Amino acid sequence: MIAFIKAVHTAIWIVMTMSVFYIGYAVYRMSFDPWFFVSLFLIGGEILVILLNSWRCPLTNIARRYTGEDSPNFDIYLPRTIAKYNKEIFSIILLLILMMYVYNSVF
């Protein structure tokens, strides 16, 4: 079961990562097509779910039921460092995208 949870969690992570970078691409081009809004909706939903779940992915809580392991990547197929700092990394990337949007809007 833990392998299934890790696979699902990794697939979701890939979709969310692609969404973040698509948002960045759209902001860089200042071209907002339907995929931009889908990506924005997905990321907004993910942020809401994580905030409502005490800054943790719900899949992490589910995976804990099936293992006693406690490493940062016990529930996802990512390198340990990326799994440990995932939220911080993507928060910074989203902040940079927001700053790029403000800059492009003003100039």
Protein backbone atom coordinates (compact mmCIF):
# COMPACT_ATOMS: atom_id res chain seq x y z
CA MET A 1 0.00 0.00 0.00
CA ILE A 2 2.84 2.41 0.79
CA ALA A 3 4.21 1.99 -2.76
CA PHE A 4 0.77 2.90 -4.16
CA ILE A 5 0.53 5.99 -1.93
CA LYS A 6 4.05 7.05 -2.93
CA ALA A 7 3.19 6.63 -6.63
CA VAL A 8 -0.04 8.65 -6.32
CA HIS A 9 1.69 11.33 -4.23
CA THR A 10 4.52 11.57 -6.77
CA ALA A 11 2.06 11.84 -9.69
CA ILE A 12 0.20 14.65 -7.91
CA TRP A 13 3.53 16.36 -7.17
CA ILE A 14 4.46 16.21 -10.87
CA VAL A 15 1.12 17.77 -11.92
CA MET A 16 1.48 20.51 -9.30
CA THR A 17 5.08 21.20 -10.30
CA MET A 18 4.07 21.48 -13.95
CA SER A 19 1.26 23.83 -12.89
CA VAL A 20 3.65 26.12 -11.01
CA PHE A 21 6.02 26.32 -13.94
CA TYR A 22 3.17 26.86 -16.40
CA ILE A 23 1.95 29.75 -14.26
CA GLY A 24 5.49 31.16 -14.39
CA TYR A 25 5.62 30.73 -18.16
CA ALA A 26 2.24 32.41 -18.62
CA VAL A 27 3.24 35.32 -16.38
CA TYR A 28 6.56 35.71 -18.22
CA ARG A 29 4.65 35.94 -21.51
CA MET A 30 1.76 37.85 -19.88
CA SER A 31 -0.53 35.52 -21.82
CA PHE A 32 -3.31 34.02 -19.74
CA ASP A 33 -5.00 31.14 -21.53
CA PRO A 34 -7.36 28.52 -20.04
CA TRP A 35 -4.38 26.33 -18.96
CA PHE A 36 -3.13 29.22 -16.84
CA PHE A 37 -6.44 29.35 -14.98
CA VAL A 38 -6.56 25.55 -14.58
CA SER A 39 -3.03 25.67 -13.15
CA LEU A 40 -3.94 28.56 -10.88
CA PHE A 41 -7.02 26.68 -9.64
CA LEU A 42 -4.96 23.54 -8.93
CA ILE A 43 -2.27 25.42 -7.03
CA GLY A 44 -4.83 27.47 -5.12
CA GLY A 45 -6.62 24.25 -4.16
CA GLU A 46 -3.39 22.64 -3.07
CA ILE A 47 -2.46 25.62 -0.92
CA LEU A 48 -5.90 25.58 0.70
CA VAL A 49 -5.72 21.84 1.43
CA ILE A 50 -2.24 22.15 2.93
CA LEU A 51 -3.22 25.15 5.06
CA LEU A 52 -6.35 23.39 6.34
CA ASN A 53 -4.27 20.30 7.17
CA SER A 54 -1.72 21.99 9.48
CA TRP A 55 0.83 22.71 6.72
CA ARG A 56 1.00 19.04 5.70
CA CYS A 57 -0.24 17.03 2.74
CA PRO A 58 -3.14 14.71 3.68
CA LEU A 59 -1.42 11.85 1.84
CA THR A 60 1.39 12.05 4.39
CA ASN A 61 -1.09 11.32 7.18
CA ILE A 62 -2.53 8.39 5.22
CA ALA A 63 0.95 6.99 4.48
CA ARG A 64 1.85 7.10 8.19
CA ARG A 65 -0.76 4.41 8.82
CA TYR A 66 1.25 1.95 6.71
CA THR A 67 4.81 2.57 7.89
CA GLY A 68 6.78 3.60 10.92
CA GLU A 69 9.34 5.38 8.76
CA ASP A 70 9.70 9.10 9.36
CA SER A 71 12.16 10.35 6.72
CA PRO A 72 11.05 13.39 4.69
CA ASN A 73 10.53 11.25 1.59
CA PHE A 74 8.87 8.20 3.17
CA ASP A 75 5.61 9.01 1.37
CA ILE A 76 6.83 10.21 -2.04
CA TYR A 77 9.39 9.22 -4.67
CA LEU A 78 11.56 12.34 -4.40
CA PRO A 79 15.10 12.89 -3.18
CA ARG A 80 15.21 13.48 0.57
CA THR A 81 16.24 17.15 0.34
CA ILE A 82 13.53 18.08 -2.16
CA ALA A 83 10.89 16.25 -0.12
CA LYS A 84 12.07 17.98 3.07
CA TYR A 85 12.04 21.52 1.66
CA ASN A 86 9.31 21.11 -0.98
CA LYS A 87 6.91 23.71 0.43
CA GLU A 88 9.68 26.24 0.98
CA ILE A 89 11.10 25.76 -2.53
CA PHE A 90 7.75 26.21 -4.24
CA SER A 91 6.72 29.10 -1.97
CA ILE A 92 9.83 30.98 -3.12
CA ILE A 93 9.17 30.11 -6.77
CA LEU A 94 5.56 31.32 -6.50
CA LEU A 95 6.73 34.52 -4.79
CA LEU A 96 9.19 35.13 -7.64
CA ILE A 97 6.39 34.55 -10.16
CA LEU A 98 4.18 37.04 -8.31
CA MET A 99 7.02 39.58 -8.31
CA MET A 100 7.50 39.00 -12.05
CA TYR A 101 3.77 39.60 -12.60
CA VAL A 102 3.87 42.88 -10.64
CA TYR A 103 6.98 43.99 -12.52
CA ASN A 104 5.48 43.10 -15.93
CA SER A 105 2.23 44.86 -15.03
CA VAL A 106 3.95 48.08 -14.01
CA PHE A 107 6.56 48.28 -16.76
